[in-house]
N, C-alpha and C. Protein backbone atom coordinates (compact mmCIF):
# COMPACT_ATOMS: atom_id res chain seq x y z
N MET A 1 0.90 -1.10 0.12
CA MET A 1 0.01 -0.04 0.02
C MET A 1 0.85 1.39 0.04
N SER A 2 0.34 2.21 -0.76
CA SER A 2 1.12 3.33 -0.77
C SER A 2 0.88 4.53 0.20
N LEU A 3 1.80 5.43 0.43
CA LEU A 3 1.49 6.34 1.37
C LEU A 3 0.12 7.20 1.35
N SER A 4 -0.19 7.21 -0.08
CA SER A 4 -1.32 8.07 -0.22
C SER A 4 -2.39 7.34 0.00
N ALA A 5 -2.68 5.94 0.15
CA ALA A 5 -3.71 5.32 0.55
C ALA A 5 -3.98 5.67 2.11
N HIS A 6 -2.93 5.95 2.85
CA HIS A 6 -3.21 6.17 4.23
C HIS A 6 -3.21 7.71 4.63
N ARG A 7 -3.16 8.62 3.70
CA ARG A 7 -3.01 10.01 3.59
C ARG A 7 -4.46 10.59 4.51
N PRO A 8 -5.57 10.26 4.31
CA PRO A 8 -6.76 10.63 5.40
C PRO A 8 -6.43 10.34 6.81
N LEU A 9 -5.86 9.19 7.06
CA LEU A 9 -5.55 8.78 8.46
C LEU A 9 -4.44 9.75 8.83
N VAL A 10 -3.24 9.71 8.24
CA VAL A 10 -2.37 10.71 8.66
C VAL A 10 -2.85 12.13 8.69
N LEU A 11 -3.57 12.63 7.97
CA LEU A 11 -4.12 13.92 8.17
C LEU A 11 -4.91 14.15 9.45
N ALA A 12 -5.56 13.20 9.57
CA ALA A 12 -6.50 13.33 10.89
C ALA A 12 -5.65 13.14 11.98
N LEU A 13 -4.68 12.32 12.21
CA LEU A 13 -3.76 12.18 13.36
C LEU A 13 -2.93 13.29 13.37
N PHE A 14 -2.60 14.02 12.55
CA PHE A 14 -1.58 15.40 12.46
C PHE A 14 -2.73 16.34 12.94
N GLY A 15 -3.86 16.51 12.55
CA GLY A 15 -4.81 17.55 12.81
C GLY A 15 -4.90 17.45 14.47
N ALA A 16 -5.22 16.34 15.03
CA ALA A 16 -5.62 15.99 16.26
C ALA A 16 -4.31 16.47 17.25
N ALA A 17 -3.01 16.19 16.85
CA ALA A 17 -1.96 16.64 17.29
C ALA A 17 -1.85 17.85 17.49
N CYS A 18 -2.23 18.50 16.43
CA CYS A 18 -2.07 20.25 16.58
C CYS A 18 -3.18 20.74 17.41
N LEU A 19 -4.23 20.17 17.36
CA LEU A 19 -5.29 20.71 18.29
C LEU A 19 -4.89 20.47 19.59
N ILE A 20 -4.22 19.32 19.93
CA ILE A 20 -3.90 19.13 21.45
C ILE A 20 -2.75 20.18 21.80
N GLY A 21 -1.86 20.33 20.81
CA GLY A 21 -0.77 21.10 21.17
C GLY A 21 -0.94 22.69 21.36
N SER A 22 -2.46 23.14 20.77
CA SER A 22 -2.79 24.56 20.84
C SER A 22 -3.57 24.65 22.13
N LEU A 23 -4.06 23.56 23.12
CA LEU A 23 -4.61 23.67 24.09
C LEU A 23 -3.81 24.57 24.97
N PRO A 24 -4.48 25.54 25.89
CA PRO A 24 -3.70 26.27 26.87
C PRO A 24 -3.09 25.20 28.07
N ALA A 25 -1.85 25.90 28.41
CA ALA A 25 -1.12 24.92 29.68
C ALA A 25 -2.22 24.69 30.69
N GLY A 26 -2.42 23.31 31.06
CA GLY A 26 -2.97 22.84 32.11
C GLY A 26 -4.52 22.70 31.86
N ALA A 27 -4.74 22.96 30.43
CA ALA A 27 -6.40 22.63 30.25
C ALA A 27 -6.70 21.02 30.30
N SER A 28 -6.02 20.30 29.93
CA SER A 28 -6.22 18.86 29.95
C SER A 28 -6.48 18.47 31.43
N THR A 29 -6.01 19.02 32.46
CA THR A 29 -5.91 18.64 33.75
C THR A 29 -7.13 19.37 34.47
N ALA A 30 -7.41 20.40 34.01
CA ALA A 30 -8.46 21.29 34.44
C ALA A 30 -9.81 20.57 34.92
N ALA A 31 -10.20 19.83 33.83
CA ALA A 31 -11.57 19.06 33.95
C ALA A 31 -11.51 17.81 35.12
N LYS A 32 -10.22 17.67 35.64
CA LYS A 32 -10.03 16.57 36.56
C LYS A 32 -9.92 17.10 38.07
N LYS A 33 -9.69 18.50 38.15
CA LYS A 33 -9.69 19.06 39.52
C LYS A 33 -11.06 19.16 40.13
N LYS A 34 -11.23 19.04 41.45
CA LYS A 34 -12.38 19.10 42.15
C LYS A 34 -12.92 20.54 42.31
N PRO A 35 -14.04 20.86 42.02
CA PRO A 35 -14.58 22.08 42.37
C PRO A 35 -14.33 22.56 43.67
N ALA A 36 -14.13 23.87 43.92
CA ALA A 36 -13.61 24.41 45.13
C ALA A 36 -15.27 24.40 46.21
N ALA A 37 -14.91 24.14 47.21
CA ALA A 37 -16.04 23.95 48.29
C ALA A 37 -16.91 25.48 48.32
N PRO A 38 -18.18 25.42 48.37
CA PRO A 38 -18.92 26.83 48.26
C PRO A 38 -18.58 27.32 49.55
N VAL A 39 -18.35 28.67 49.56
CA VAL A 39 -18.02 29.51 50.66
C VAL A 39 -19.46 29.87 51.21
N GLU A 40 -19.76 29.62 52.76
CA GLU A 40 -20.96 29.86 53.37
C GLU A 40 -21.33 31.39 53.52
N ALA A 41 -22.35 31.76 52.90
CA ALA A 41 -22.54 33.07 53.17
C ALA A 41 -22.55 33.50 54.63
N PRO A 42 -22.41 34.95 55.17
CA PRO A 42 -22.56 35.12 56.41
C PRO A 42 -23.91 35.12 56.86
N LEU A 43 -24.00 34.50 58.25
CA LEU A 43 -25.29 34.25 58.81
C LEU A 43 -25.84 35.38 59.61
N ALA A 44 -27.06 35.72 59.17
CA ALA A 44 -27.74 36.91 59.97
C ALA A 44 -27.77 36.68 61.49
N ASP A 45 -27.96 37.81 62.44
CA ASP A 45 -28.12 37.53 63.57
C ASP A 45 -29.44 37.03 64.05
N LEU A 46 -29.64 36.26 64.97
CA LEU A 46 -31.18 35.91 65.29
C LEU A 46 -31.87 37.03 66.30
N ALA A 47 -33.12 36.85 66.11
CA ALA A 47 -33.93 37.57 66.96
C ALA A 47 -33.98 36.61 68.51
N PRO A 48 -34.20 37.33 69.54
CA PRO A 48 -34.22 36.68 70.79
C PRO A 48 -35.17 35.36 71.00
N GLU A 49 -36.23 35.63 70.26
CA GLU A 49 -37.16 34.44 70.36
C GLU A 49 -36.80 33.41 69.58
N GLN A 50 -35.88 33.29 68.52
CA GLN A 50 -35.24 32.56 67.73
C GLN A 50 -34.27 31.67 68.67
N VAL A 51 -33.43 32.52 69.20
CA VAL A 51 -32.28 31.98 70.27
C VAL A 51 -32.98 31.19 71.44
N ALA A 52 -34.06 31.74 71.82
CA ALA A 52 -34.69 30.75 72.91
C ALA A 52 -35.28 29.51 72.41
N ASN A 53 -35.78 29.51 71.24
CA ASN A 53 -36.11 28.21 70.43
C ASN A 53 -34.77 27.26 70.25
N ALA A 54 -33.72 28.00 70.15
CA ALA A 54 -32.46 26.92 69.69
C ALA A 54 -32.01 26.36 70.86
N GLU A 55 -32.32 26.69 72.17
CA GLU A 55 -31.92 25.98 73.50
C GLU A 55 -32.81 24.77 73.57
N ARG A 56 -33.97 24.57 72.74
CA ARG A 56 -34.72 23.30 73.00
C ARG A 56 -34.59 22.50 72.02
N VAL A 57 -33.44 22.71 71.05
CA VAL A 57 -33.31 21.65 69.80
C VAL A 57 -32.35 20.39 70.54
N HIS A 58 -32.88 19.37 70.18
CA HIS A 58 -32.22 18.10 70.74
C HIS A 58 -30.84 17.97 69.64
N VAL A 59 -29.70 17.80 70.20
CA VAL A 59 -28.30 17.87 69.50
C VAL A 59 -27.95 16.29 69.58
N GLY A 60 -27.33 15.82 68.35
CA GLY A 60 -26.77 14.63 68.46
C GLY A 60 -27.27 13.72 67.39
N ASP A 61 -27.07 12.45 67.27
CA ASP A 61 -27.54 11.44 66.22
C ASP A 61 -29.05 10.96 66.63
N GLN A 62 -29.54 10.88 65.61
CA GLN A 62 -31.22 10.64 65.83
C GLN A 62 -31.33 9.48 64.68
N ASP A 63 -31.94 8.34 65.34
CA ASP A 63 -32.25 7.28 64.55
C ASP A 63 -33.71 7.43 63.85
N CYS A 64 -33.75 7.02 62.80
CA CYS A 64 -35.06 7.33 61.99
C CYS A 64 -35.63 6.01 61.05
N GLU A 65 -36.63 6.31 60.58
CA GLU A 65 -37.30 5.06 59.82
C GLU A 65 -36.39 4.57 58.67
N PHE A 66 -36.52 3.41 58.37
CA PHE A 66 -35.74 2.84 57.12
C PHE A 66 -34.16 2.78 57.57
N ARG A 67 -33.89 2.75 58.74
CA ARG A 67 -32.45 2.67 59.04
C ARG A 67 -31.60 3.85 58.59
N GLN A 68 -32.35 5.31 58.60
CA GLN A 68 -31.59 6.37 58.27
C GLN A 68 -31.41 6.95 59.42
N GLN A 69 -30.29 8.15 59.42
CA GLN A 69 -29.97 8.69 60.48
C GLN A 69 -29.71 10.09 60.07
N VAL A 70 -30.17 10.70 61.24
CA VAL A 70 -29.91 12.40 61.05
C VAL A 70 -29.06 12.89 62.06
N LYS A 71 -28.21 13.93 61.77
CA LYS A 71 -27.06 14.29 62.94
C LYS A 71 -27.47 15.87 63.09
N VAL A 72 -27.68 16.16 64.13
CA VAL A 72 -27.84 17.76 64.64
C VAL A 72 -26.80 18.30 65.28
N GLN A 73 -26.06 19.24 65.05
CA GLN A 73 -25.01 19.78 65.69
C GLN A 73 -24.94 21.30 65.84
N ARG A 74 -24.63 21.81 66.93
CA ARG A 74 -24.47 23.24 66.97
C ARG A 74 -23.52 23.77 66.08
N HIS A 75 -23.97 25.10 65.39
CA HIS A 75 -23.22 25.83 64.62
C HIS A 75 -21.80 26.25 65.36
N GLN A 76 -20.78 25.91 65.05
CA GLN A 76 -19.50 26.44 65.80
C GLN A 76 -19.41 27.88 65.71
N ALA A 77 -19.63 28.57 64.83
CA ALA A 77 -19.18 29.76 64.56
C ALA A 77 -20.30 30.86 64.94
N LYS A 78 -21.63 30.41 64.92
CA LYS A 78 -22.64 31.21 64.93
C LYS A 78 -23.59 30.68 65.94
N ASP A 79 -23.76 31.32 67.19
CA ASP A 79 -24.74 30.98 68.17
C ASP A 79 -26.08 30.65 67.66
N GLY A 80 -26.97 29.90 67.96
CA GLY A 80 -28.29 29.82 67.66
C GLY A 80 -28.63 28.93 66.26
N TYR A 81 -27.53 28.98 65.48
CA TYR A 81 -27.60 27.94 64.18
C TYR A 81 -27.26 26.65 64.52
N PHE A 82 -27.54 25.65 63.47
CA PHE A 82 -27.35 24.34 63.59
C PHE A 82 -26.85 23.72 62.13
N HIS A 83 -25.99 22.69 62.33
CA HIS A 83 -25.66 21.97 61.28
C HIS A 83 -26.44 20.60 61.13
N LEU A 84 -27.35 20.33 60.15
CA LEU A 84 -27.99 19.07 60.25
C LEU A 84 -27.48 18.23 59.13
N ASN A 85 -27.04 17.14 59.17
CA ASN A 85 -26.49 16.03 58.21
C ASN A 85 -27.38 14.94 57.94
N PHE A 86 -27.70 14.85 56.80
CA PHE A 86 -28.90 13.72 56.42
C PHE A 86 -28.11 13.15 54.97
N LYS A 87 -27.90 12.05 54.82
CA LYS A 87 -27.55 11.30 53.47
C LYS A 87 -26.23 12.08 52.91
N GLY A 88 -25.17 12.26 53.79
CA GLY A 88 -23.99 12.62 53.49
C GLY A 88 -24.01 14.14 53.06
N ARG A 89 -25.07 14.88 53.44
CA ARG A 89 -24.93 16.32 52.92
C ARG A 89 -25.26 17.11 54.28
N GLN A 90 -24.78 18.45 54.42
CA GLN A 90 -24.92 19.11 55.61
C GLN A 90 -25.72 20.32 55.24
N TYR A 91 -26.67 20.86 55.97
CA TYR A 91 -27.37 21.89 55.82
C TYR A 91 -27.27 22.79 57.07
N THR A 92 -27.26 24.10 56.78
CA THR A 92 -27.27 24.96 57.87
C THR A 92 -28.82 25.41 58.23
N MET A 93 -29.13 25.20 59.53
CA MET A 93 -30.48 25.60 59.85
C MET A 93 -30.59 26.71 60.92
N ALA A 94 -31.66 27.38 60.98
CA ALA A 94 -31.88 28.55 61.86
C ALA A 94 -33.20 28.30 62.47
N PRO A 95 -33.38 28.43 63.79
CA PRO A 95 -34.53 28.18 64.33
C PRO A 95 -35.48 29.25 64.05
N GLU A 96 -36.80 28.82 63.96
CA GLU A 96 -37.85 29.70 63.51
C GLU A 96 -39.13 29.59 64.65
N PRO A 97 -39.74 30.62 65.14
CA PRO A 97 -40.90 30.69 65.94
C PRO A 97 -42.17 29.88 65.35
N THR A 98 -42.64 29.28 66.40
CA THR A 98 -44.01 28.55 66.09
C THR A 98 -44.85 28.89 67.13
N THR A 99 -46.31 28.62 66.72
CA THR A 99 -47.28 28.81 67.54
C THR A 99 -47.78 27.63 68.35
N THR A 100 -47.23 26.22 67.83
CA THR A 100 -47.69 25.03 68.40
C THR A 100 -46.75 24.74 69.41
N GLY A 101 -45.65 25.15 69.67
CA GLY A 101 -44.76 24.62 70.78
C GLY A 101 -43.60 23.57 70.16
N ALA A 102 -43.85 23.40 68.96
CA ALA A 102 -42.93 22.30 68.05
C ALA A 102 -41.43 23.34 68.03
N VAL A 103 -40.35 22.55 67.71
CA VAL A 103 -39.14 23.22 67.56
C VAL A 103 -39.20 23.26 65.84
N ARG A 104 -38.69 24.16 65.43
CA ARG A 104 -38.53 24.22 63.93
C ARG A 104 -37.44 24.89 63.58
N LEU A 105 -36.57 24.09 62.58
CA LEU A 105 -35.46 24.73 62.01
C LEU A 105 -35.56 24.69 60.65
N GLU A 106 -35.14 26.04 60.15
CA GLU A 106 -35.35 26.06 58.51
C GLU A 106 -34.02 26.14 57.67
N ASP A 107 -33.77 25.66 56.54
CA ASP A 107 -32.75 26.13 55.67
C ASP A 107 -33.71 26.84 54.51
N LYS A 108 -33.53 27.95 54.43
CA LYS A 108 -34.46 28.61 53.53
C LYS A 108 -33.82 28.49 52.04
N LYS A 109 -32.48 28.49 52.04
CA LYS A 109 -31.75 28.37 50.91
C LYS A 109 -32.04 27.05 50.03
N ASN A 110 -32.33 25.89 50.78
CA ASN A 110 -32.34 24.55 50.30
C ASN A 110 -34.07 24.07 50.38
N GLY A 111 -34.93 24.97 51.16
CA GLY A 111 -36.20 24.62 51.25
C GLY A 111 -36.37 23.63 52.40
N LEU A 112 -35.35 23.46 53.13
CA LEU A 112 -35.60 22.22 54.28
C LEU A 112 -36.14 22.78 55.52
N VAL A 113 -37.08 21.80 55.97
CA VAL A 113 -37.66 22.20 57.38
C VAL A 113 -37.53 20.94 58.49
N TRP A 114 -37.00 21.02 59.56
CA TRP A 114 -36.89 20.15 60.44
C TRP A 114 -37.91 20.35 61.59
N ILE A 115 -38.83 19.59 61.96
CA ILE A 115 -39.69 19.66 63.01
C ILE A 115 -39.55 18.69 64.09
N GLN A 116 -39.38 19.26 65.30
CA GLN A 116 -39.01 18.38 66.34
C GLN A 116 -40.22 18.52 67.36
N ILE A 117 -41.09 17.66 67.46
CA ILE A 117 -42.04 17.42 68.67
C ILE A 117 -41.70 16.59 69.71
N ALA A 118 -42.68 16.38 70.57
CA ALA A 118 -42.40 15.68 71.93
C ALA A 118 -41.77 14.22 71.70
N ASN A 119 -42.45 13.51 70.91
CA ASN A 119 -41.84 12.20 70.61
C ASN A 119 -41.22 11.80 69.41
N LYS A 120 -41.06 12.74 68.59
CA LYS A 120 -40.21 12.48 67.16
C LYS A 120 -39.87 13.71 66.31
N SER A 121 -38.95 13.51 65.45
CA SER A 121 -38.81 14.71 64.55
C SER A 121 -38.95 14.31 63.28
N MET A 122 -38.89 15.09 62.22
CA MET A 122 -38.79 14.72 60.63
C MET A 122 -38.26 15.95 60.07
N LEU A 123 -37.84 15.63 58.91
CA LEU A 123 -37.17 16.47 57.89
C LEU A 123 -37.95 16.47 56.71
N MET A 124 -38.36 17.75 56.32
CA MET A 124 -39.38 17.87 55.01
C MET A 124 -38.68 18.77 53.91
N ASN A 125 -38.87 18.37 52.97
CA ASN A 125 -38.50 19.50 51.73
C ASN A 125 -39.96 20.37 51.38
N ALA A 126 -39.79 21.74 51.80
CA ALA A 126 -40.96 22.34 51.98
C ALA A 126 -41.38 22.96 50.74
N ARG A 127 -40.54 22.95 49.72
CA ARG A 127 -40.67 23.40 48.30
C ARG A 127 -41.44 22.22 47.43
N ALA A 128 -41.09 21.02 47.71
CA ALA A 128 -41.94 19.84 47.19
C ALA A 128 -43.14 19.45 47.97
N GLY A 129 -43.13 19.96 49.33
CA GLY A 129 -44.11 19.60 50.01
C GLY A 129 -44.26 18.03 50.43
N GLN A 130 -43.02 17.50 50.76
CA GLN A 130 -42.89 16.08 50.90
C GLN A 130 -41.90 15.63 52.11
N ARG A 131 -42.13 14.76 53.07
CA ARG A 131 -41.05 14.39 53.88
C ARG A 131 -40.05 13.63 53.29
N LEU A 132 -38.80 13.86 53.96
CA LEU A 132 -37.52 13.05 53.41
C LEU A 132 -37.44 12.26 54.31
N VAL A 133 -37.50 12.35 55.64
CA VAL A 133 -37.39 11.30 56.58
C VAL A 133 -38.26 11.64 57.94
N ASP A 134 -38.85 10.56 58.43
CA ASP A 134 -39.76 10.67 59.23
C ASP A 134 -39.20 9.67 60.69
N GLU A 135 -40.16 9.89 61.76
CA GLU A 135 -39.68 8.97 63.01
C GLU A 135 -38.33 8.94 63.50
N CYS A 136 -37.97 10.13 63.29
CA CYS A 136 -36.55 10.27 63.95
C CYS A 136 -36.56 10.23 65.31
N VAL A 137 -35.93 9.73 66.15
CA VAL A 137 -36.00 9.80 67.77
C VAL A 137 -34.58 9.97 68.57
N HIS A 138 -34.50 10.87 69.03
CA HIS A 138 -33.44 11.37 69.78
C HIS A 138 -33.61 10.66 71.27
N PRO A 139 -32.36 10.26 71.90
CA PRO A 139 -32.61 9.68 73.23
C PRO A 139 -33.46 10.43 74.05
N ASN A 140 -33.68 11.73 74.26
CA ASN A 140 -34.55 12.47 74.99
C ASN A 140 -36.06 12.19 74.64
N GLN A 141 -36.49 11.89 73.34
CA GLN A 141 -37.70 11.66 73.04
C GLN A 141 -38.08 10.25 73.23
N LYS A 142 -37.28 9.44 73.67
CA LYS A 142 -37.78 8.04 74.09
C LYS A 142 -38.34 7.77 75.48
N MET A 143 -38.13 9.01 76.14
CA MET A 143 -38.84 8.90 77.55
C MET A 143 -40.21 8.59 77.69
N PRO A 144 -40.62 7.88 78.67
CA PRO A 144 -42.19 7.63 78.68
C PRO A 144 -43.13 8.84 78.72
N GLN A 145 -44.09 8.80 77.96
CA GLN A 145 -44.95 9.84 78.08
C GLN A 145 -45.83 9.82 79.44
N SER A 146 -46.27 11.10 79.76
CA SER A 146 -46.93 11.11 81.07
C SER A 146 -48.17 10.55 81.16
N VAL A 147 -48.50 10.23 82.46
CA VAL A 147 -49.76 9.48 82.69
C VAL A 147 -50.93 10.58 82.60
N PRO A 148 -52.03 10.20 82.06
CA PRO A 148 -53.20 11.04 82.11
C PRO A 148 -53.83 11.43 83.43
N VAL A 149 -53.79 12.75 83.84
CA VAL A 149 -54.38 13.22 84.78
C VAL A 149 -55.85 13.70 84.92
N ASP A 150 -56.77 13.28 85.74
CA ASP A 150 -58.03 13.80 85.83
C ASP A 150 -58.00 15.19 86.19
N PRO A 151 -58.41 16.08 85.29
CA PRO A 151 -58.28 17.58 85.74
C PRO A 151 -59.15 17.92 87.15
N VAL A 152 -60.14 17.31 87.06
CA VAL A 152 -61.11 17.48 88.36
C VAL A 152 -60.58 17.12 89.78
N THR A 153 -60.08 16.03 89.85
CA THR A 153 -59.52 15.66 91.14
C THR A 153 -58.05 15.74 91.17
N SER A 154 -57.34 15.98 89.94
CA SER A 154 -55.85 16.06 89.85
C SER A 154 -55.10 14.62 90.28
N ALA A 155 -56.01 13.61 90.06
CA ALA A 155 -55.42 12.22 90.48
C ALA A 155 -55.24 11.35 89.33
N VAL A 156 -54.35 10.44 89.25
CA VAL A 156 -53.98 9.75 88.00
C VAL A 156 -55.18 8.86 87.72
N SER A 157 -55.44 8.95 86.36
CA SER A 157 -56.67 8.40 85.91
C SER A 157 -56.24 7.16 85.34
N THR A 158 -56.70 6.02 86.15
CA THR A 158 -56.48 4.36 85.73
C THR A 158 -57.71 3.83 85.44
N ALA A 159 -58.92 4.27 85.40
CA ALA A 159 -60.18 3.71 85.29
C ALA A 159 -60.45 3.59 83.75
N GLU A 160 -61.21 2.65 83.39
CA GLU A 160 -61.77 2.78 82.11
C GLU A 160 -62.75 3.68 81.86
N PRO A 161 -62.95 3.92 80.54
CA PRO A 161 -63.90 5.01 80.38
C PRO A 161 -65.25 4.25 80.38
N VAL A 162 -66.24 5.04 81.16
CA VAL A 162 -67.66 4.81 81.62
C VAL A 162 -68.50 4.76 80.30
N ALA A 163 -69.20 3.59 79.94
CA ALA A 163 -69.96 3.45 79.10
C ALA A 163 -71.45 4.48 79.20
N GLN A 164 -71.73 5.16 78.29
CA GLN A 164 -72.95 5.85 78.29
C GLN A 164 -74.17 5.05 78.47
N ALA A 165 -74.89 5.59 79.35
CA ALA A 165 -76.22 4.74 79.56
C ALA A 165 -77.40 5.03 78.39
N ARG A 166 -78.11 4.17 78.12
CA ARG A 166 -78.87 4.24 76.74
C ARG A 166 -80.21 4.65 77.39
């Protein structure tokens, strides 16, 4: 076979070599570098009511449904804020006031809401209107519930409900 028969292949290889040689220095390795970690925006100061709510947040590991886990930690640099870790991601949460007595933490940037009530907690995606994880229980939430008390006599109610007369 003559050289002219391989001419298209030789030209293609030569063109590819020229293109590679014309790339700026370091361009071939730029795609391999990890992107820089996002810088956290400065956190706003919290209102006194928010700081008061922050004191009621259960901090630590919480076991949830389907063998999932959520970890809530106090923010090291900003009092009243929390880091919530779920499925390998960390969210910065701020306490928000409620009228129900529940503890509510929000990450408005990501649309996440952490609701903590007496016997469990849950993480919700407020934008999608769905629960991400439920039945999260901190050791402080495992305590037995109080025994019902009769409001009239202030005695512990142990009697069965009385059936109504017909």
